[in-house]
Amino acid sequence: MKLKENAKPYAIMVPRRVPIPLKDALQKKLDEMITKEIIEPVDEASEWCAPMVIVSKKQGDIRICVDLSELNKNIQRETYPMASVDYTITEYNNAKIFSIIDASSGF
């Protein structure tokens, strides 16, 4: 990820509160994300720190949401042109194997 030259770091000073009934579920989810190397622990202060919100799912699990809007304002965007539908259909016309991607957690 490339930042704009004039990027100004953004960090919240006070974390948002986690509801007491969700604290154990949050710790379990964070440990799981660390194990899967989705996130990594940081033991020192960082110039960049975004607020986190915990959302309960219908199945009883939780979702961790992070507000990255301030970081997004400072990212230097790269463009990736998308192939036309006609090209894609022609390219995969004889395909015999397809994949399914599980994007349930949005990573």
PDB file of N, CA and C in Angstrom:
ATOM      1  N   MET A   1       0.848  -1.158   0.000  1.00  0.00           N
ATOM      2  CA  MET A   1       0.000   0.000   0.000  1.00  0.00           C
ATOM      3  C   MET A   1       0.902   1.231   0.000  1.00  0.00           C
ATOM      4  N   LYS A   2       0.587   2.153  -0.879  1.00  0.00           N
ATOM      5  CA  LYS A   2       1.369   3.385  -0.957  1.00  0.00           C
ATOM      6  C   LYS A   2       0.536   4.544  -0.422  1.00  0.00           C
ATOM      7  N   LEU A   3       1.174   5.362   0.401  1.00  0.00           N
ATOM      8  CA  LEU A   3       0.498   6.540   0.942  1.00  0.00           C
ATOM      9  C   LEU A   3       0.827   7.762   0.103  1.00  0.00           C
ATOM     10  N   LYS A   4      -0.084   8.704   0.077  1.00  0.00           N
ATOM     11  CA  LYS A   4       0.162   9.973  -0.607  1.00  0.00           C
ATOM     12  C   LYS A   4       1.315  10.680   0.091  1.00  0.00           C
ATOM     13  N   GLU A   5       2.038  11.519  -0.652  1.00  0.00           N
ATOM     14  CA  GLU A   5       3.188  12.228  -0.079  1.00  0.00           C
ATOM     15  C   GLU A   5       2.791  13.123   1.097  1.00  0.00           C
ATOM     16  N   ASN A   6       1.603  13.712   1.027  1.00  0.00           N
ATOM     17  CA  ASN A   6       1.162  14.626   2.088  1.00  0.00           C
ATOM     18  C   ASN A   6       0.308  13.922   3.145  1.00  0.00           C
ATOM     19  N   ALA A   7       0.416  12.599   3.240  1.00  0.00           N
ATOM     20  CA  ALA A   7      -0.388  11.829   4.195  1.00  0.00           C
ATOM     21  C   ALA A   7      -0.069  12.242   5.626  1.00  0.00           C
ATOM     22  N   LYS A   8      -1.125  12.456   6.400  1.00  0.00           N
ATOM     23  CA  LYS A   8      -0.966  12.796   7.812  1.00  0.00           C
ATOM     24  C   LYS A   8      -1.488  11.625   8.639  1.00  0.00           C
ATOM     25  N   PRO A   9      -0.653  11.053   9.506  1.00  0.00           N
ATOM     26  CA  PRO A   9      -1.095   9.918  10.321  1.00  0.00           C
ATOM     27  C   PRO A   9      -2.337  10.257  11.138  1.00  0.00           C
ATOM     28  N   TYR A  10      -3.161   9.241  11.344  1.00  0.00           N
ATOM     29  CA  TYR A  10      -4.388   9.399  12.119  1.00  0.00           C
ATOM     30  C   TYR A  10      -4.430   8.291  13.164  1.00  0.00           C
ATOM     31  N   ALA A  11      -4.632   8.670  14.401  1.00  0.00           N
ATOM     32  CA  ALA A  11      -4.748   7.680  15.473  1.00  0.00           C
ATOM     33  C   ALA A  11      -5.776   8.150  16.485  1.00  0.00           C
ATOM     34  N   ILE A  12      -6.663   7.228  16.864  1.00  0.00           N
ATOM     35  CA  ILE A  12      -7.604   7.567  17.926  1.00  0.00           C
ATOM     36  C   ILE A  12      -6.846   7.479  19.244  1.00  0.00           C
ATOM     37  N   MET A  13      -7.192   8.336  20.161  1.00  0.00           N
ATOM     38  CA  MET A  13      -6.491   8.354  21.442  1.00  0.00           C
ATOM     39  C   MET A  13      -7.200   7.501  22.488  1.00  0.00           C
ATOM     40  N   VAL A  14      -8.521   7.388  22.366  1.00  0.00           N
ATOM     41  CA  VAL A  14      -9.304   6.610  23.325  1.00  0.00           C
ATOM     42  C   VAL A  14     -10.074   5.544  22.548  1.00  0.00           C
ATOM     43  N   PRO A  15      -9.836   4.276  22.842  1.00  0.00           N
ATOM     44  CA  PRO A  15     -10.558   3.232  22.102  1.00  0.00           C
ATOM     45  C   PRO A  15     -12.048   3.244  22.432  1.00  0.00           C
ATOM     46  N   ARG A  16     -12.847   2.795  21.475  1.00  0.00           N
ATOM     47  CA  ARG A  16     -14.286   2.669  21.724  1.00  0.00           C
ATOM     48  C   ARG A  16     -14.505   1.537  22.713  1.00  0.00           C
ATOM     49  N   ARG A  17     -15.539   1.667  23.514  1.00  0.00           N
ATOM     50  CA  ARG A  17     -15.820   0.656  24.536  1.00  0.00           C
ATOM     51  C   ARG A  17     -16.381  -0.611  23.910  1.00  0.00           C
ATOM     52  N   VAL A  18     -15.984  -1.735  24.478  1.00  0.00           N
ATOM     53  CA  VAL A  18     -16.510  -3.033  24.063  1.00  0.00           C
ATOM     54  C   VAL A  18     -17.532  -3.450  25.111  1.00  0.00           C
ATOM     55  N   PRO A  19     -18.755  -3.802  24.698  1.00  0.00           N
ATOM     56  CA  PRO A  19     -19.754  -4.250  25.674  1.00  0.00           C
ATOM     57  C   PRO A  19     -19.233  -5.456  26.465  1.00  0.00           C
ATOM     58  N   ILE A  20     -19.423  -5.435  27.764  1.00  0.00           N
ATOM     59  CA  ILE A  20     -18.910  -6.498  28.637  1.00  0.00           C
ATOM     60  C   ILE A  20     -19.324  -7.893  28.165  1.00  0.00           C
ATOM     61  N   PRO A  21     -20.587  -8.110  27.752  1.00  0.00           N
ATOM     62  CA  PRO A  21     -20.960  -9.465  27.306  1.00  0.00           C
ATOM     63  C   PRO A  21     -20.207  -9.946  26.055  1.00  0.00           C
ATOM     64  N   LEU A  22     -19.588  -9.024  25.314  1.00  0.00           N
ATOM     65  CA  LEU A  22     -18.886  -9.405  24.082  1.00  0.00           C
ATOM     66  C   LEU A  22     -17.369  -9.515  24.248  1.00  0.00           C
ATOM     67  N   LYS A  23     -16.848  -9.208  25.443  1.00  0.00           N
ATOM     68  CA  LYS A  23     -15.390  -9.191  25.636  1.00  0.00           C
ATOM     69  C   LYS A  23     -14.737 -10.553  25.395  1.00  0.00           C
ATOM     70  N   ASP A  24     -15.329 -11.630  25.916  1.00  0.00           N
ATOM     71  CA  ASP A  24     -14.741 -12.960  25.712  1.00  0.00           C
ATOM     72  C   ASP A  24     -14.776 -13.355  24.237  1.00  0.00           C
ATOM     73  N   ALA A  25     -15.904 -13.084  23.574  1.00  0.00           N
ATOM     74  CA  ALA A  25     -16.029 -13.400  22.146  1.00  0.00           C
ATOM     75  C   ALA A  25     -15.024 -12.588  21.335  1.00  0.00           C
ATOM     76  N   LEU A  26     -14.803 -11.334  21.719  1.00  0.00           N
ATOM     77  CA  LEU A  26     -13.829 -10.494  21.027  1.00  0.00           C
ATOM     78  C   LEU A  26     -12.423 -11.068  21.175  1.00  0.00           C
ATOM     79  N   GLN A  27     -12.041 -11.437  22.392  1.00  0.00           N
ATOM     80  CA  GLN A  27     -10.700 -11.992  22.606  1.00  0.00           C
ATOM     81  C   GLN A  27     -10.505 -13.268  21.800  1.00  0.00           C
ATOM     82  N   LYS A  28     -11.534 -14.114  21.778  1.00  0.00           N
ATOM     83  CA  LYS A  28     -11.466 -15.361  21.003  1.00  0.00           C
ATOM     84  C   LYS A  28     -11.287 -15.055  19.515  1.00  0.00           C
ATOM     85  N   LYS A  29     -12.044 -14.089  18.995  1.00  0.00           N
ATOM     86  CA  LYS A  29     -11.966 -13.721  17.575  1.00  0.00           C
ATOM     87  C   LYS A  29     -10.594 -13.123  17.256  1.00  0.00           C
ATOM     88  N   LEU A  30     -10.072 -12.263  18.123  1.00  0.00           N
ATOM     89  CA  LEU A  30      -8.745 -11.677  17.904  1.00  0.00           C
ATOM     90  C   LEU A  30      -7.661 -12.754  17.906  1.00  0.00           C
ATOM     91  N   ASP A  31      -7.739 -13.693  18.862  1.00  0.00           N
ATOM     92  CA  ASP A  31      -6.768 -14.795  18.915  1.00  0.00           C
ATOM     93  C   ASP A  31      -6.822 -15.625  17.634  1.00  0.00           C
ATOM     94  N   GLU A  32      -8.039 -15.874  17.150  1.00  0.00           N
ATOM     95  CA  GLU A  32      -8.225 -16.637  15.908  1.00  0.00           C
ATOM     96  C   GLU A  32      -7.608 -15.894  14.717  1.00  0.00           C
ATOM     97  N   MET A  33      -7.815 -14.589  14.661  1.00  0.00           N
ATOM     98  CA  MET A  33      -7.276 -13.785  13.561  1.00  0.00           C
ATOM     99  C   MET A  33      -5.748 -13.722  13.617  1.00  0.00           C
ATOM    100  N   ILE A  34      -5.186 -13.694  14.814  1.00  0.00           N
ATOM    101  CA  ILE A  34      -3.725 -13.712  14.974  1.00  0.00           C
ATOM    102  C   ILE A  34      -3.174 -15.060  14.511  1.00  0.00           C
ATOM    103  N   THR A  35      -3.821 -16.148  14.920  1.00  0.00           N
ATOM    104  CA  THR A  35      -3.393 -17.492  14.523  1.00  0.00           C
ATOM    105  C   THR A  35      -3.417 -17.659  13.009  1.00  0.00           C
ATOM    106  N   LYS A  36      -4.439 -17.105  12.359  1.00  0.00           N
ATOM    107  CA  LYS A  36      -4.574 -17.213  10.900  1.00  0.00           C
ATOM    108  C   LYS A  36      -3.736 -16.163  10.165  1.00  0.00           C
ATOM    109  N   GLU A  37      -2.998 -15.354  10.921  1.00  0.00           N
ATOM    110  CA  GLU A  37      -2.136 -14.291  10.386  1.00  0.00           C
ATOM    111  C   GLU A  37      -2.908 -13.256   9.569  1.00  0.00           C
ATOM    112  N   ILE A  38      -4.146 -13.002   9.989  1.00  0.00           N
ATOM    113  CA  ILE A  38      -4.949 -11.938   9.382  1.00  0.00           C
ATOM    114  C   ILE A  38      -4.532 -10.606   9.988  1.00  0.00           C
ATOM    115  N   ILE A  39      -4.245 -10.635  11.284  1.00  0.00           N
ATOM    116  CA  ILE A  39      -3.739  -9.463  12.001  1.00  0.00           C
ATOM    117  C   ILE A  39      -2.506  -9.891  12.787  1.00  0.00           C
ATOM    118  N   GLU A  40      -1.759  -8.917  13.276  1.00  0.00           N
ATOM    119  CA  GLU A  40      -0.620  -9.230  14.137  1.00  0.00           C
ATOM    120  C   GLU A  40      -0.611  -8.261  15.306  1.00  0.00           C
ATOM    121  N   PRO A  41      -0.184  -8.741  16.472  1.00  0.00           N
ATOM    122  CA  PRO A  41      -0.149  -7.870  17.649  1.00  0.00           C
ATOM    123  C   PRO A  41       0.880  -6.750  17.485  1.00  0.00           C
ATOM    124  N   VAL A  42       0.572  -5.600  18.041  1.00  0.00           N
ATOM    125  CA  VAL A  42       1.492  -4.461  18.047  1.00  0.00           C
ATOM    126  C   VAL A  42       1.666  -4.061  19.505  1.00  0.00           C
ATOM    127  N   ASP A  43       2.908  -4.083  19.971  1.00  0.00           N
ATOM    128  CA  ASP A  43       3.178  -3.829  21.383  1.00  0.00           C
ATOM    129  C   ASP A  43       3.575  -2.395  21.698  1.00  0.00           C
ATOM    130  N   GLU A  44       3.631  -1.557  20.676  1.00  0.00           N
ATOM    131  CA  GLU A  44       4.025  -0.168  20.908  1.00  0.00           C
ATOM    132  C   GLU A  44       3.047   0.766  20.211  1.00  0.00           C
ATOM    133  N   ALA A  45       3.102   2.022  20.567  1.00  0.00           N
ATOM    134  CA  ALA A  45       2.205   3.010  19.969  1.00  0.00           C
ATOM    135  C   ALA A  45       2.473   3.130  18.475  1.00  0.00           C
ATOM    136  N   SER A  46       1.410   3.397  17.721  1.00  0.00           N
ATOM    137  CA  SER A  46       1.521   3.543  16.276  1.00  0.00           C
ATOM    138  C   SER A  46       0.956   4.895  15.862  1.00  0.00           C
ATOM    139  N   GLU A  47       1.510   5.462  14.790  1.00  0.00           N
ATOM    140  CA  GLU A  47       0.978   6.728  14.273  1.00  0.00           C
ATOM    141  C   GLU A  47      -0.402   6.525  13.657  1.00  0.00           C
ATOM    142  N   TRP A  48      -0.676   5.309  13.227  1.00  0.00           N
ATOM    143  CA  TRP A  48      -1.951   4.987  12.587  1.00  0.00           C
ATOM    144  C   TRP A  48      -2.734   4.049  13.489  1.00  0.00           C
ATOM    145  N   CYS A  49      -3.925   4.461  13.891  1.00  0.00           N
ATOM    146  CA  CYS A  49      -4.772   3.624  14.740  1.00  0.00           C
ATOM    147  C   CYS A  49      -6.230   3.975  14.457  1.00  0.00           C
ATOM    148  N   ALA A  50      -6.973   3.019  13.925  1.00  0.00           N
ATOM    149  CA  ALA A  50      -8.365   3.258  13.542  1.00  0.00           C
ATOM    150  C   ALA A  50      -9.313   2.681  14.590  1.00  0.00           C
ATOM    151  N   PRO A  51     -10.488   3.293  14.742  1.00  0.00           N
ATOM    152  CA  PRO A  51     -11.457   2.797  15.724  1.00  0.00           C
ATOM    153  C   PRO A  51     -12.097   1.476  15.291  1.00  0.00           C
ATOM    154  N   MET A  52     -12.362   0.627  16.278  1.00  0.00           N
ATOM    155  CA  MET A  52     -12.953  -0.686  16.051  1.00  0.00           C
ATOM    156  C   MET A  52     -14.337  -0.738  16.691  1.00  0.00           C
ATOM    157  N   VAL A  53     -15.259  -1.442  16.033  1.00  0.00           N
ATOM    158  CA  VAL A  53     -16.605  -1.643  16.566  1.00  0.00           C
ATOM    159  C   VAL A  53     -16.918  -3.129  16.474  1.00  0.00           C
ATOM    160  N   ILE A  54     -17.547  -3.665  17.500  1.00  0.00           N
ATOM    161  CA  ILE A  54     -17.940  -5.067  17.514  1.00  0.00           C
ATOM    162  C   ILE A  54     -19.429  -5.143  17.190  1.00  0.00           C
ATOM    163  N   VAL A  55     -19.778  -6.014  16.238  1.00  0.00           N
ATOM    164  CA  VAL A  55     -21.172  -6.178  15.828  1.00  0.00           C
ATOM    165  C   VAL A  55     -21.563  -7.633  16.048  1.00  0.00           C
ATOM    166  N   SER A  56     -22.715  -7.855  16.678  1.00  0.00           N
ATOM    167  CA  SER A  56     -23.214  -9.220  16.875  1.00  0.00           C
ATOM    168  C   SER A  56     -23.865  -9.720  15.594  1.00  0.00           C
ATOM    169  N   LYS A  57     -23.574 -10.976  15.243  1.00  0.00           N
ATOM    170  CA  LYS A  57     -24.193 -11.605  14.078  1.00  0.00           C
ATOM    171  C   LYS A  57     -25.433 -12.378  14.528  1.00  0.00           C
ATOM    172  N   LYS A  58     -26.301 -12.704  13.584  1.00  0.00           N
ATOM    173  CA  LYS A  58     -27.532 -13.436  13.899  1.00  0.00           C
ATOM    174  C   LYS A  58     -27.239 -14.806  14.503  1.00  0.00           C
ATOM    175  N   GLN A  59     -26.164 -15.456  14.052  1.00  0.00           N
ATOM    176  CA  GLN A  59     -25.836 -16.802  14.524  1.00  0.00           C
ATOM    177  C   GLN A  59     -25.183 -16.803  15.907  1.00  0.00           C
ATOM    178  N   GLY A  60     -24.987 -15.632  16.497  1.00  0.00           N
ATOM    179  CA  GLY A  60     -24.390 -15.543  17.822  1.00  0.00           C
ATOM    180  C   GLY A  60     -22.911 -15.200  17.810  1.00  0.00           C
ATOM    181  N   ASP A  61     -22.281 -15.266  16.649  1.00  0.00           N
ATOM    182  CA  ASP A  61     -20.871 -14.911  16.517  1.00  0.00           C
ATOM    183  C   ASP A  61     -20.760 -13.379  16.474  1.00  0.00           C
ATOM    184  N   ILE A  62     -19.542 -12.873  16.396  1.00  0.00           N
ATOM    185  CA  ILE A  62     -19.349 -11.427  16.280  1.00  0.00           C
ATOM    186  C   ILE A  62     -18.574 -11.104  15.011  1.00  0.00           C
ATOM    187  N   ARG A  63     -18.693  -9.874  14.585  1.00  0.00           N
ATOM    188  CA  ARG A  63     -17.907  -9.361  13.456  1.00  0.00           C
ATOM    189  C   ARG A  63     -17.133  -8.155  13.976  1.00  0.00           C
ATOM    190  N   ILE A  64     -15.853  -8.095  13.650  1.00  0.00           N
ATOM    191  CA  ILE A  64     -15.034  -6.948  14.019  1.00  0.00           C
ATOM    192  C   ILE A  64     -15.021  -5.997  12.831  1.00  0.00           C
ATOM    193  N   CYS A  65     -15.442  -4.774  13.063  1.00  0.00           N
ATOM    194  CA  CYS A  65     -15.467  -3.758  12.012  1.00  0.00           C
ATOM    195  C   CYS A  65     -14.482  -2.653  12.385  1.00  0.00           C
ATOM    196  N   VAL A  66     -13.730  -2.190  11.414  1.00  0.00           N
ATOM    197  CA  VAL A  66     -12.755  -1.128  11.642  1.00  0.00           C
ATOM    198  C   VAL A  66     -13.063   0.021  10.692  1.00  0.00           C
ATOM    199  N   ASP A  67     -13.101   1.231  11.227  1.00  0.00           N
ATOM    200  CA  ASP A  67     -13.369   2.418  10.414  1.00  0.00           C
ATOM    201  C   ASP A  67     -12.047   2.927   9.841  1.00  0.00           C
ATOM    202  N   LEU A  68     -11.792   2.592   8.585  1.00  0.00           N
ATOM    203  CA  LEU A  68     -10.536   2.976   7.936  1.00  0.00           C
ATOM    204  C   LEU A  68     -10.705   4.178   7.016  1.00  0.00           C
ATOM    205  N   SER A  69     -11.741   4.971   7.227  1.00  0.00           N
ATOM    206  CA  SER A  69     -12.013   6.102   6.332  1.00  0.00           C
ATOM    207  C   SER A  69     -10.868   7.122   6.323  1.00  0.00           C
ATOM    208  N   GLU A  70     -10.242   7.378   7.458  1.00  0.00           N
ATOM    209  CA  GLU A  70      -9.123   8.335   7.494  1.00  0.00           C
ATOM    210  C   GLU A  70      -7.909   7.785   6.746  1.00  0.00           C
ATOM    211  N   LEU A  71      -7.635   6.504   6.903  1.00  0.00           N
ATOM    212  CA  LEU A  71      -6.536   5.890   6.161  1.00  0.00           C
ATOM    213  C   LEU A  71      -6.838   5.919   4.664  1.00  0.00           C
ATOM    214  N   ASN A  72      -8.066   5.587   4.289  1.00  0.00           N
ATOM    215  CA  ASN A  72      -8.446   5.565   2.871  1.00  0.00           C
ATOM    216  C   ASN A  72      -8.223   6.909   2.191  1.00  0.00           C
ATOM    217  N   LYS A  73      -8.412   8.000   2.916  1.00  0.00           N
ATOM    218  CA  LYS A  73      -8.199   9.338   2.349  1.00  0.00           C
ATOM    219  C   LYS A  73      -6.730   9.567   1.984  1.00  0.00           C
ATOM    220  N   ASN A  74      -5.839   8.808   2.597  1.00  0.00           N
ATOM    221  CA  ASN A  74      -4.403   9.014   2.413  1.00  0.00           C
ATOM    222  C   ASN A  74      -3.723   7.971   1.531  1.00  0.00           C
ATOM    223  N   ILE A  75      -4.492   7.084   0.938  1.00  0.00           N
ATOM    224  CA  ILE A  75      -3.915   6.036   0.094  1.00  0.00           C
ATOM    225  C   ILE A  75      -3.779   6.513  -1.340  1.00  0.00           C
ATOM    226  N   GLN A  76      -2.635   6.232  -1.913  1.00  0.00           N
ATOM    227  CA  GLN A  76      -2.410   6.519  -3.328  1.00  0.00           C
ATOM    228  C   GLN A  76      -2.984   5.332  -4.108  1.00  0.00           C
ATOM    229  N   ARG A  77      -4.066   5.568  -4.823  1.00  0.00           N
ATOM    230  CA  ARG A  77      -4.792   4.493  -5.509  1.00  0.00           C
ATOM    231  C   ARG A  77      -4.051   3.979  -6.741  1.00  0.00           C
ATOM    232  N   GLU A  78      -4.076   2.666  -6.887  1.00  0.00           N
ATOM    233  CA  GLU A  78      -3.555   2.034  -8.092  1.00  0.00           C
ATOM    234  C   GLU A  78      -4.755   1.579  -8.910  1.00  0.00           C
ATOM    235  N   THR A  79      -4.648   1.645 -10.223  1.00  0.00           N
ATOM    236  CA  THR A  79      -5.770   1.246 -11.068  1.00  0.00           C
ATOM    237  C   THR A  79      -5.508  -0.123 -11.676  1.00  0.00           C
ATOM    238  N   TYR A  80      -6.541  -0.911 -11.707  1.00  0.00           N
ATOM    239  CA  TYR A  80      -6.499  -2.237 -12.305  1.00  0.00           C
ATOM    240  C   TYR A  80      -7.667  -2.347 -13.272  1.00  0.00           C
ATOM    241  N   PRO A  81      -7.421  -2.123 -14.574  1.00  0.00           N
ATOM    242  CA  PRO A  81      -8.510  -2.186 -15.544  1.00  0.00           C
ATOM    243  C   PRO A  81      -9.162  -3.567 -15.548  1.00  0.00           C
ATOM    244  N   MET A  82     -10.482  -3.569 -15.637  1.00  0.00           N
ATOM    245  CA  MET A  82     -11.235  -4.814 -15.638  1.00  0.00           C
ATOM    246  C   MET A  82     -11.541  -5.241 -17.068  1.00  0.00           C
ATOM    247  N   ALA A  83     -11.405  -6.531 -17.329  1.00  0.00           N
ATOM    248  CA  ALA A  83     -11.701  -7.051 -18.665  1.00  0.00           C
ATOM    249  C   ALA A  83     -13.200  -6.961 -18.928  1.00  0.00           C
ATOM    250  N   SER A  84     -13.556  -6.809 -20.190  1.00  0.00           N
ATOM    251  CA  SER A  84     -14.974  -6.734 -20.551  1.00  0.00           C
ATOM    252  C   SER A  84     -15.623  -8.106 -20.367  1.00  0.00           C
ATOM    253  N   VAL A  85     -16.934  -8.118 -20.229  1.00  0.00           N
ATOM    254  CA  VAL A  85     -17.674  -9.368 -20.074  1.00  0.00           C
ATOM    255  C   VAL A  85     -17.472 -10.246 -21.306  1.00  0.00           C
ATOM    256  N   ASP A  86     -17.515  -9.647 -22.496  1.00  0.00           N
ATOM    257  CA  ASP A  86     -17.325 -10.413 -23.734  1.00  0.00           C
ATOM    258  C   ASP A  86     -15.974 -11.124 -23.744  1.00  0.00           C
ATOM    259  N   TYR A  87     -14.928 -10.422 -23.359  1.00  0.00           N
ATOM    260  CA  TYR A  87     -13.591 -11.016 -23.326  1.00  0.00           C
ATOM    261  C   TYR A  87     -13.549 -12.167 -22.320  1.00  0.00           C
ATOM    262  N   THR A  88     -14.116 -11.944 -21.136  1.00  0.00           N
ATOM    263  CA  THR A  88     -14.094 -12.955 -20.081  1.00  0.00           C
ATOM    264  C   THR A  88     -14.839 -14.208 -20.514  1.00  0.00           C
ATOM    265  N   ILE A  89     -16.005 -14.049 -21.114  1.00  0.00           N
ATOM    266  CA  ILE A  89     -16.781 -15.206 -21.572  1.00  0.00           C
ATOM    267  C   ILE A  89     -15.994 -15.989 -22.618  1.00  0.00           C
ATOM    268  N   THR A  90     -15.385 -15.289 -23.550  1.00  0.00           N
ATOM    269  CA  THR A  90     -14.584 -15.944 -24.589  1.00  0.00           C
ATOM    270  C   THR A  90     -13.379 -16.654 -23.983  1.00  0.00           C
ATOM    271  N   GLU A  91     -12.717 -16.000 -23.044  1.00  0.00           N
ATOM    272  CA  GLU A  91     -11.503 -16.540 -22.420  1.00  0.00           C
ATOM    273  C   GLU A  91     -11.787 -17.831 -21.647  1.00  0.00           C
ATOM    274  N   TYR A  92     -12.935 -17.910 -20.996  1.00  0.00           N
ATOM    275  CA  TYR A  92     -13.258 -19.062 -20.150  1.00  0.00           C
ATOM    276  C   TYR A  92     -14.302 -19.980 -20.770  1.00  0.00           C
ATOM    277  N   ASN A  93     -14.477 -19.883 -22.062  1.00  0.00           N
ATOM    278  CA  ASN A  93     -15.495 -20.653 -22.775  1.00  0.00           C
ATOM    279  C   ASN A  93     -15.337 -22.158 -22.589  1.00  0.00           C
ATOM    280  N   ASN A  94     -14.111 -22.663 -22.605  1.00  0.00           N
ATOM    281  CA  ASN A  94     -13.872 -24.107 -22.493  1.00  0.00           C
ATOM    282  C   ASN A  94     -13.438 -24.536 -21.093  1.00  0.00           C
ATOM    283  N   ALA A  95     -13.607 -23.676 -20.118  1.00  0.00           N
ATOM    284  CA  ALA A  95     -13.186 -24.004 -18.749  1.00  0.00           C
ATOM    285  C   ALA A  95     -14.011 -25.162 -18.199  1.00  0.00           C
ATOM    286  N   LYS A  96     -13.355 -26.031 -17.436  1.00  0.00           N
ATOM    287  CA  LYS A  96     -14.028 -27.192 -16.862  1.00  0.00           C
ATOM    288  C   LYS A  96     -13.965 -27.205 -15.337  1.00  0.00           C
ATOM    289  N   ILE A  97     -13.088 -26.401 -14.767  1.00  0.00           N
ATOM    290  CA  ILE A  97     -12.927 -26.358 -13.315  1.00  0.00           C
ATOM    291  C   ILE A  97     -13.146 -24.922 -12.851  1.00  0.00           C
ATOM    292  N   PHE A  98     -13.966 -24.771 -11.823  1.00  0.00           N
ATOM    293  CA  PHE A  98     -14.252 -23.455 -11.262  1.00  0.00           C
ATOM    294  C   PHE A  98     -14.032 -23.499  -9.757  1.00  0.00           C
ATOM    295  N   SER A  99     -13.834 -22.352  -9.151  1.00  0.00           N
ATOM    296  CA  SER A  99     -13.622 -22.258  -7.705  1.00  0.00           C
ATOM    297  C   SER A  99     -14.730 -21.455  -7.061  1.00  0.00           C
ATOM    298  N   ILE A 100     -14.942 -21.732  -5.803  1.00  0.00           N
ATOM    299  CA  ILE A 100     -15.869 -20.948  -4.995  1.00  0.00           C
ATOM    300  C   ILE A 100     -15.040 -20.280  -3.912  1.00  0.00           C
ATOM    301  N   ILE A 101     -15.275 -19.005  -3.699  1.00  0.00           N
ATOM    302  CA  ILE A 101     -14.541 -18.262  -2.681  1.00  0.00           C
ATOM    303  C   ILE A 101     -15.495 -17.914  -1.553  1.00  0.00           C
ATOM    304  N   ASP A 102     -15.079 -18.191  -0.327  1.00  0.00           N
ATOM    305  CA  ASP A 102     -15.877 -17.849   0.846  1.00  0.00           C
ATOM    306  C   ASP A 102     -15.422 -16.488   1.344  1.00  0.00           C
ATOM    307  N   ALA A 103     -16.236 -15.482   1.132  1.00  0.00           N
ATOM    308  CA  ALA A 103     -15.900 -14.129   1.569  1.00  0.00           C
ATOM    309  C   ALA A 103     -16.759 -13.727   2.763  1.00  0.00           C
ATOM    310  N   SER A 104     -17.114 -14.693   3.599  1.00  0.00           N
ATOM    311  CA  SER A 104     -18.026 -14.421   4.709  1.00  0.00           C
ATOM    312  C   SER A 104     -17.461 -13.438   5.728  1.00  0.00           C
ATOM    313  N   SER A 105     -16.151 -13.379   5.868  1.00  0.00           N
ATOM    314  CA  SER A 105     -15.567 -12.442   6.822  1.00  0.00           C
ATOM    315  C   SER A 105     -14.986 -11.213   6.145  1.00  0.00           C
ATOM    316  N   GLY A 106     -15.024 -11.165   4.854  1.00  0.00           N
ATOM    317  CA  GLY A 106     -14.611  -9.975   4.118  1.00  0.00           C
ATOM    318  C   GLY A 106     -13.121  -9.716   4.063  1.00  0.00           C
ATOM    319  N   PHE A 107     -12.291 -10.748   4.148  1.00  0.00           N
ATOM    320  CA  PHE A 107     -10.845 -10.544   4.077  1.00  0.00           C
ATOM    321  C   PHE A 107     -10.371 -10.805   2.678  1.00  0.00           C
TER     322      PHE A 107
END
